[in-house]
Amino acid sequence: MSTGVVHRAMGDPVHNGMVPESLIARCLREEPKAQYEMYRALYGMMMAICRRYERNPQDAVARMNQGFLKILTNLDKRRPDVPFELWTRRIMINTVIDEFRKERQRKATETLDGPLNEGALIEVNDYLRHMEADAFAALLQRVPDMSRKVFNLFAIDGFGHQEIAQMLGISEGTSKWHVANARQTLQKAIAQLTGQTTTKTAIR
């Protein structure tokens, strides 16, 4: 995975150890109360991820519930050496991408409008890093669907272009185009919000 991830300071909530191994053990025994406790503990993180990827709030809730069901049904397959937070985050991301693949098969593939200039973009890293999850998710809604998903995978969740190309069934060049398109859209949106006109380099 790519190392240039910008999400931690301004992105998804972290449950910070609120899911102890004792609770996981109770969920493995399929105790309804334990499952509800885990749902509440993971809710903020799961919803933040789904809202970043899905424009429609109902779709975000649907993906969150699908992902949580996968978390419960795959608890017995979790590797003990993998931190629980990382494991649950990956399941949520995979759930969103799997549903996107299914939807993409039912629709025509987006066409690209030509090369984008990755220069002349305002410096937005500091701006994004200090945003709350809700505000950041709202800003991302201005980005076209495909570009938003690729940008999320690359700049927020740390996947490389080769990984993204394999996940979404696109070329690496197309993945890079969508990241540039998302950057350009975010640059314009942030310029409107802040009143900035100076143009520099953006999210890397």
C-alpha atoms as a PDB file:
ATOM      1  CA  MET A   1       0.000   0.000   0.000  1.00  0.00           C
ATOM      2  CA  SER A   2       1.052   3.584  -0.643  1.00  0.00           C
ATOM      3  CA  THR A   3       2.675   5.482   2.208  1.00  0.00           C
ATOM      4  CA  GLY A   4       1.343   8.919   1.302  1.00  0.00           C
ATOM      5  CA  VAL A   5      -1.867   8.653   3.298  1.00  0.00           C
ATOM      6  CA  VAL A   6      -3.439  11.913   4.441  1.00  0.00           C
ATOM      7  CA  HIS A   7      -6.460  10.596   6.308  1.00  0.00           C
ATOM      8  CA  ARG A   8      -5.444  10.084   9.924  1.00  0.00           C
ATOM      9  CA  ALA A   9      -5.611  13.625  11.292  1.00  0.00           C
ATOM     10  CA  MET A  10      -8.852  14.656   9.606  1.00  0.00           C
ATOM     11  CA  GLY A  11     -10.541  11.484   8.468  1.00  0.00           C
ATOM     12  CA  ASP A  12     -12.171   8.468  10.005  1.00  0.00           C
ATOM     13  CA  PRO A  13     -12.719   8.114  13.753  1.00  0.00           C
ATOM     14  CA  VAL A  14     -10.657   5.415  15.435  1.00  0.00           C
ATOM     15  CA  HIS A  15     -12.252   3.200  18.057  1.00  0.00           C
ATOM     16  CA  ASN A  16      -9.045   3.272  20.148  1.00  0.00           C
ATOM     17  CA  GLY A  17      -9.222  -0.136  21.757  1.00  0.00           C
ATOM     18  CA  MET A  18     -12.941  -0.005  22.483  1.00  0.00           C
ATOM     19  CA  VAL A  19     -13.272  -3.557  21.162  1.00  0.00           C
ATOM     20  CA  PRO A  20     -11.455  -5.728  23.714  1.00  0.00           C
ATOM     21  CA  GLU A  21     -10.655  -9.353  23.006  1.00  0.00           C
ATOM     22  CA  SER A  22     -13.273 -10.344  25.579  1.00  0.00           C
ATOM     23  CA  LEU A  23     -15.968  -8.677  23.463  1.00  0.00           C
ATOM     24  CA  ILE A  24     -14.649 -10.350  20.320  1.00  0.00           C
ATOM     25  CA  ALA A  25     -14.808 -13.708  22.124  1.00  0.00           C
ATOM     26  CA  ARG A  26     -18.439 -13.087  23.075  1.00  0.00           C
ATOM     27  CA  CYS A  27     -19.257 -12.187  19.474  1.00  0.00           C
ATOM     28  CA  LEU A  28     -17.638 -15.441  18.371  1.00  0.00           C
ATOM     29  CA  ARG A  29     -20.175 -17.165  20.634  1.00  0.00           C
ATOM     30  CA  GLU A  30     -22.858 -15.202  18.737  1.00  0.00           C
ATOM     31  CA  GLU A  31     -24.174 -13.372  21.790  1.00  0.00           C
ATOM     32  CA  PRO A  32     -26.655 -10.724  20.505  1.00  0.00           C
ATOM     33  CA  LYS A  33     -25.787  -8.220  23.247  1.00  0.00           C
ATOM     34  CA  ALA A  34     -22.091  -8.488  22.417  1.00  0.00           C
ATOM     35  CA  GLN A  35     -22.794  -8.015  18.713  1.00  0.00           C
ATOM     36  CA  TYR A  36     -24.751  -4.848  19.501  1.00  0.00           C
ATOM     37  CA  GLU A  37     -21.920  -3.563  21.704  1.00  0.00           C
ATOM     38  CA  MET A  38     -19.434  -4.146  18.902  1.00  0.00           C
ATOM     39  CA  TYR A  39     -21.722  -2.400  16.416  1.00  0.00           C
ATOM     40  CA  ARG A  40     -21.850   0.668  18.659  1.00  0.00           C
ATOM     41  CA  ALA A  41     -18.081   0.625  19.181  1.00  0.00           C
ATOM     42  CA  LEU A  42     -17.346   0.423  15.451  1.00  0.00           C
ATOM     43  CA  TYR A  43     -20.200   2.604  14.201  1.00  0.00           C
ATOM     44  CA  GLY A  44     -18.264   5.879  13.901  1.00  0.00           C
ATOM     45  CA  MET A  45     -15.367   4.344  12.006  1.00  0.00           C
ATOM     46  CA  MET A  46     -17.582   2.236   9.724  1.00  0.00           C
ATOM     47  CA  MET A  47     -19.940   5.081   8.856  1.00  0.00           C
ATOM     48  CA  ALA A  48     -17.099   7.534   8.201  1.00  0.00           C
ATOM     49  CA  ILE A  49     -15.559   5.162   5.660  1.00  0.00           C
ATOM     50  CA  CYS A  50     -18.864   4.490   3.915  1.00  0.00           C
ATOM     51  CA  ARG A  51     -19.777   8.182   3.771  1.00  0.00           C
ATOM     52  CA  ARG A  52     -16.466   8.979   2.102  1.00  0.00           C
ATOM     53  CA  TYR A  53     -17.191   6.503  -0.677  1.00  0.00           C
ATOM     54  CA  GLU A  54     -20.967   6.782  -1.082  1.00  0.00           C
ATOM     55  CA  ARG A  55     -22.788   9.964  -2.077  1.00  0.00           C
ATOM     56  CA  ASN A  56     -26.251   8.686  -1.100  1.00  0.00           C
ATOM     57  CA  PRO A  57     -26.692   8.459   2.722  1.00  0.00           C
ATOM     58  CA  GLN A  58     -28.944   5.404   2.361  1.00  0.00           C
ATOM     59  CA  ASP A  59     -26.255   3.647   0.319  1.00  0.00           C
ATOM     60  CA  ALA A  60     -23.697   4.508   3.005  1.00  0.00           C
ATOM     61  CA  VAL A  61     -25.890   2.913   5.691  1.00  0.00           C
ATOM     62  CA  ALA A  62     -26.478  -0.148   3.506  1.00  0.00           C
ATOM     63  CA  ARG A  63     -22.737  -0.618   2.907  1.00  0.00           C
ATOM     64  CA  MET A  64     -22.020  -0.153   6.614  1.00  0.00           C
ATOM     65  CA  ASN A  65     -24.507  -2.850   7.583  1.00  0.00           C
ATOM     66  CA  GLN A  66     -23.191  -5.190   4.887  1.00  0.00           C
ATOM     67  CA  GLY A  67     -19.653  -4.618   6.099  1.00  0.00           C
ATOM     68  CA  PHE A  68     -20.535  -5.172   9.747  1.00  0.00           C
ATOM     69  CA  LEU A  69     -22.233  -8.458   8.866  1.00  0.00           C
ATOM     70  CA  LYS A  70     -19.021  -9.532   7.119  1.00  0.00           C
ATOM     71  CA  ILE A  71     -17.029  -8.539  10.194  1.00  0.00           C
ATOM     72  CA  LEU A  72     -19.215 -10.732  12.408  1.00  0.00           C
ATOM     73  CA  THR A  73     -19.237 -13.708  10.046  1.00  0.00           C
ATOM     74  CA  ASN A  74     -15.471 -13.603   9.539  1.00  0.00           C
ATOM     75  CA  LEU A  75     -14.336 -13.070  13.132  1.00  0.00           C
ATOM     76  CA  ASP A  76     -13.169 -16.661  13.344  1.00  0.00           C
ATOM     77  CA  LYS A  77     -10.900 -16.090  10.324  1.00  0.00           C
ATOM     78  CA  ARG A  78      -9.166 -13.011  11.758  1.00  0.00           C
ATOM     79  CA  ARG A  79      -5.411 -13.340  12.113  1.00  0.00           C
ATOM     80  CA  PRO A  80      -4.389 -12.495  15.700  1.00  0.00           C
ATOM     81  CA  ASP A  81      -1.261 -10.668  14.491  1.00  0.00           C
ATOM     82  CA  VAL A  82      -3.349  -8.152  12.505  1.00  0.00           C
ATOM     83  CA  PRO A  83      -4.652  -5.192  14.576  1.00  0.00           C
ATOM     84  CA  PHE A  84      -8.420  -5.365  14.866  1.00  0.00           C
ATOM     85  CA  GLU A  85      -8.880  -1.796  13.610  1.00  0.00           C
ATOM     86  CA  LEU A  86      -6.909  -2.450  10.420  1.00  0.00           C
ATOM     87  CA  TRP A  87      -8.788  -5.695   9.829  1.00  0.00           C
ATOM     88  CA  THR A  88     -12.219  -4.064  10.212  1.00  0.00           C
ATOM     89  CA  ARG A  89     -11.254  -1.071   8.057  1.00  0.00           C
ATOM     90  CA  ARG A  90     -10.115  -3.349   5.244  1.00  0.00           C
ATOM     91  CA  ILE A  91     -13.390  -5.296   5.363  1.00  0.00           C
ATOM     92  CA  MET A  92     -15.400  -2.062   5.151  1.00  0.00           C
ATOM     93  CA  ILE A  93     -13.370  -0.787   2.201  1.00  0.00           C
ATOM     94  CA  ASN A  94     -13.613  -4.135   0.412  1.00  0.00           C
ATOM     95  CA  THR A  95     -17.378  -4.161   0.952  1.00  0.00           C
ATOM     96  CA  VAL A  96     -17.771  -0.755  -0.675  1.00  0.00           C
ATOM     97  CA  ILE A  97     -15.513  -1.685  -3.594  1.00  0.00           C
ATOM     98  CA  ASP A  98     -17.235  -5.043  -4.145  1.00  0.00           C
ATOM     99  CA  GLU A  99     -20.612  -3.318  -4.395  1.00  0.00           C
ATOM    100  CA  PHE A 100     -19.116  -0.713  -6.707  1.00  0.00           C
ATOM    101  CA  ARG A 101     -17.824  -3.447  -9.029  1.00  0.00           C
ATOM    102  CA  LYS A 102     -21.286  -4.995  -9.191  1.00  0.00           C
ATOM    103  CA  GLU A 103     -22.862  -1.623  -9.956  1.00  0.00           C
ATOM    104  CA  ARG A 104     -20.209  -0.834 -12.543  1.00  0.00           C
ATOM    105  CA  GLN A 105     -21.055  -4.006 -14.424  1.00  0.00           C
ATOM    106  CA  ARG A 106     -24.617  -2.725 -14.769  1.00  0.00           C
ATOM    107  CA  LYS A 107     -23.606   0.684 -16.082  1.00  0.00           C
ATOM    108  CA  ALA A 108     -21.425   1.997 -18.862  1.00  0.00           C
ATOM    109  CA  THR A 109     -17.871   2.824 -17.844  1.00  0.00           C
ATOM    110  CA  GLU A 110     -17.194   6.516 -17.324  1.00  0.00           C
ATOM    111  CA  THR A 111     -15.340   8.175 -20.194  1.00  0.00           C
ATOM    112  CA  LEU A 112     -12.361  10.412 -19.552  1.00  0.00           C
ATOM    113  CA  ASP A 113     -12.374  13.976 -20.803  1.00  0.00           C
ATOM    114  CA  GLY A 114      -8.675  14.161 -21.552  1.00  0.00           C
ATOM    115  CA  PRO A 115      -5.453  14.828 -19.610  1.00  0.00           C
ATOM    116  CA  LEU A 116      -5.562  17.035 -16.546  1.00  0.00           C
ATOM    117  CA  ASN A 117      -2.957  19.492 -15.399  1.00  0.00           C
ATOM    118  CA  GLU A 118      -1.766  18.345 -11.962  1.00  0.00           C
ATOM    119  CA  GLY A 119      -0.013  21.664 -11.446  1.00  0.00           C
ATOM    120  CA  ALA A 120      -1.764  24.930 -10.621  1.00  0.00           C
ATOM    121  CA  LEU A 121      -3.562  23.450  -7.612  1.00  0.00           C
ATOM    122  CA  ILE A 122      -3.842  25.191  -4.255  1.00  0.00           C
ATOM    123  CA  GLU A 123      -2.049  23.648  -1.301  1.00  0.00           C
ATOM    124  CA  VAL A 124      -4.844  21.740   0.450  1.00  0.00           C
ATOM    125  CA  ASN A 125      -3.078  19.213   2.697  1.00  0.00           C
ATOM    126  CA  ASP A 126      -3.180  21.391   5.825  1.00  0.00           C
ATOM    127  CA  TYR A 127      -6.775  22.358   5.112  1.00  0.00           C
ATOM    128  CA  LEU A 128      -7.891  18.724   4.813  1.00  0.00           C
ATOM    129  CA  ARG A 129      -5.898  17.522   7.812  1.00  0.00           C
ATOM    130  CA  HIS A 130      -7.839  19.812  10.152  1.00  0.00           C
ATOM    131  CA  MET A 131     -11.292  18.947   8.855  1.00  0.00           C
ATOM    132  CA  GLU A 132     -13.719  16.875  10.881  1.00  0.00           C
ATOM    133  CA  ALA A 133     -14.913  13.617   9.318  1.00  0.00           C
ATOM    134  CA  ASP A 134     -18.377  15.017   8.517  1.00  0.00           C
ATOM    135  CA  ALA A 135     -17.006  18.122   6.796  1.00  0.00           C
ATOM    136  CA  PHE A 136     -14.464  16.091   4.853  1.00  0.00           C
ATOM    137  CA  ALA A 137     -17.127  13.623   3.692  1.00  0.00           C
ATOM    138  CA  ALA A 138     -19.302  16.539   2.572  1.00  0.00           C
ATOM    139  CA  LEU A 139     -16.423  18.053   0.594  1.00  0.00           C
ATOM    140  CA  LEU A 140     -15.760  14.725  -1.123  1.00  0.00           C
ATOM    141  CA  GLN A 141     -19.365  14.629  -2.340  1.00  0.00           C
ATOM    142  CA  ARG A 142     -18.402  17.312  -4.865  1.00  0.00           C
ATOM    143  CA  VAL A 143     -16.079  14.854  -6.608  1.00  0.00           C
ATOM    144  CA  PRO A 144     -17.551  12.621  -9.381  1.00  0.00           C
ATOM    145  CA  ASP A 145     -18.305   9.068  -8.225  1.00  0.00           C
ATOM    146  CA  MET A 146     -15.470   7.157  -9.894  1.00  0.00           C
ATOM    147  CA  SER A 147     -12.864   9.820  -9.154  1.00  0.00           C
ATOM    148  CA  ARG A 148     -14.042   9.969  -5.528  1.00  0.00           C
ATOM    149  CA  LYS A 149     -13.608   6.223  -5.067  1.00  0.00           C
ATOM    150  CA  VAL A 150     -10.144   6.204  -6.652  1.00  0.00           C
ATOM    151  CA  PHE A 151      -9.087   9.252  -4.623  1.00  0.00           C
ATOM    152  CA  ASN A 152     -10.317   7.619  -1.420  1.00  0.00           C
ATOM    153  CA  LEU A 153      -8.342   4.468  -2.149  1.00  0.00           C
ATOM    154  CA  PHE A 154      -5.160   6.327  -3.136  1.00  0.00           C
ATOM    155  CA  ALA A 155      -4.919   9.468  -1.005  1.00  0.00           C
ATOM    156  CA  ILE A 156      -6.960   8.482   2.046  1.00  0.00           C
ATOM    157  CA  ASP A 157      -6.682   4.714   2.460  1.00  0.00           C
ATOM    158  CA  GLY A 158      -3.156   4.365   1.092  1.00  0.00           C
ATOM    159  CA  PHE A 159      -3.486   1.972  -1.849  1.00  0.00           C
ATOM    160  CA  GLY A 160      -1.097   2.255  -4.802  1.00  0.00           C
ATOM    161  CA  HIS A 161      -2.231   2.786  -8.394  1.00  0.00           C
ATOM    162  CA  GLN A 162      -1.397  -0.805  -9.319  1.00  0.00           C
ATOM    163  CA  GLU A 163      -3.556  -2.125  -6.464  1.00  0.00           C
ATOM    164  CA  ILE A 164      -6.396   0.229  -7.372  1.00  0.00           C
ATOM    165  CA  ALA A 165      -6.237  -0.801 -11.018  1.00  0.00           C
ATOM    166  CA  GLN A 166      -6.589  -4.452 -10.015  1.00  0.00           C
ATOM    167  CA  MET A 167      -9.389  -3.750  -7.542  1.00  0.00           C
ATOM    168  CA  LEU A 168     -11.495  -1.675  -9.936  1.00  0.00           C
ATOM    169  CA  GLY A 169     -10.602  -3.288 -13.250  1.00  0.00           C
ATOM    170  CA  ILE A 170      -9.056  -0.140 -14.735  1.00  0.00           C
ATOM    171  CA  SER A 171      -5.587   0.790 -15.974  1.00  0.00           C
ATOM    172  CA  GLU A 172      -2.991   2.474 -13.764  1.00  0.00           C
ATOM    173  CA  GLY A 173      -3.154   5.486 -16.074  1.00  0.00           C
ATOM    174  CA  THR A 174      -6.901   5.746 -15.549  1.00  0.00           C
ATOM    175  CA  SER A 175      -6.374   5.501 -11.794  1.00  0.00           C
ATOM    176  CA  LYS A 176      -3.900   8.386 -11.927  1.00  0.00           C
ATOM    177  CA  TRP A 177      -6.310  10.407 -14.065  1.00  0.00           C
ATOM    178  CA  HIS A 178      -9.090  10.010 -11.525  1.00  0.00           C
ATOM    179  CA  VAL A 179      -6.804  11.089  -8.666  1.00  0.00           C
ATOM    180  CA  ALA A 180      -5.829  14.186 -10.658  1.00  0.00           C
ATOM    181  CA  ASN A 181      -9.484  14.868 -11.450  1.00  0.00           C
ATOM    182  CA  ALA A 182     -10.414  14.580  -7.769  1.00  0.00           C
ATOM    183  CA  ARG A 183      -7.559  16.888  -6.777  1.00  0.00           C
ATOM    184  CA  GLN A 184      -8.667  19.476  -9.299  1.00  0.00           C
ATOM    185  CA  THR A 185     -12.277  19.308  -8.095  1.00  0.00           C
ATOM    186  CA  LEU A 186     -11.213  19.594  -4.442  1.00  0.00           C
ATOM    187  CA  GLN A 187      -8.900  22.480  -5.297  1.00  0.00           C
ATOM    188  CA  LYS A 188     -11.796  24.424  -6.783  1.00  0.00           C
ATOM    189  CA  ALA A 189     -14.105  23.559  -3.871  1.00  0.00           C
ATOM    190  CA  ILE A 190     -11.573  24.605  -1.226  1.00  0.00           C
ATOM    191  CA  ALA A 191     -10.793  27.797  -3.141  1.00  0.00           C
ATOM    192  CA  GLN A 192     -14.495  28.650  -2.975  1.00  0.00           C
ATOM    193  CA  LEU A 193     -14.662  27.861   0.746  1.00  0.00           C
ATOM    194  CA  THR A 194     -11.534  29.785   1.699  1.00  0.00           C
ATOM    195  CA  GLY A 195     -11.533  32.527  -0.911  1.00  0.00           C
ATOM    196  CA  GLN A 196      -8.011  31.543  -1.979  1.00  0.00           C
ATOM    197  CA  THR A 197      -6.774  32.321  -5.459  1.00  0.00           C
ATOM    198  CA  THR A 198      -3.110  31.356  -5.079  1.00  0.00           C
ATOM    199  CA  THR A 199      -2.305  28.099  -6.876  1.00  0.00           C
ATOM    200  CA  LYS A 200       0.369  25.690  -5.690  1.00  0.00           C
ATOM    201  CA  THR A 201       0.849  21.950  -5.463  1.00  0.00           C
ATOM    202  CA  ALA A 202      -1.952  19.890  -3.955  1.00  0.00           C
ATOM    203  CA  ILE A 203      -2.425  16.536  -2.221  1.00  0.00           C
ATOM    204  CA  ARG A 204       0.385  14.131  -3.033  1.00  0.00           C
END
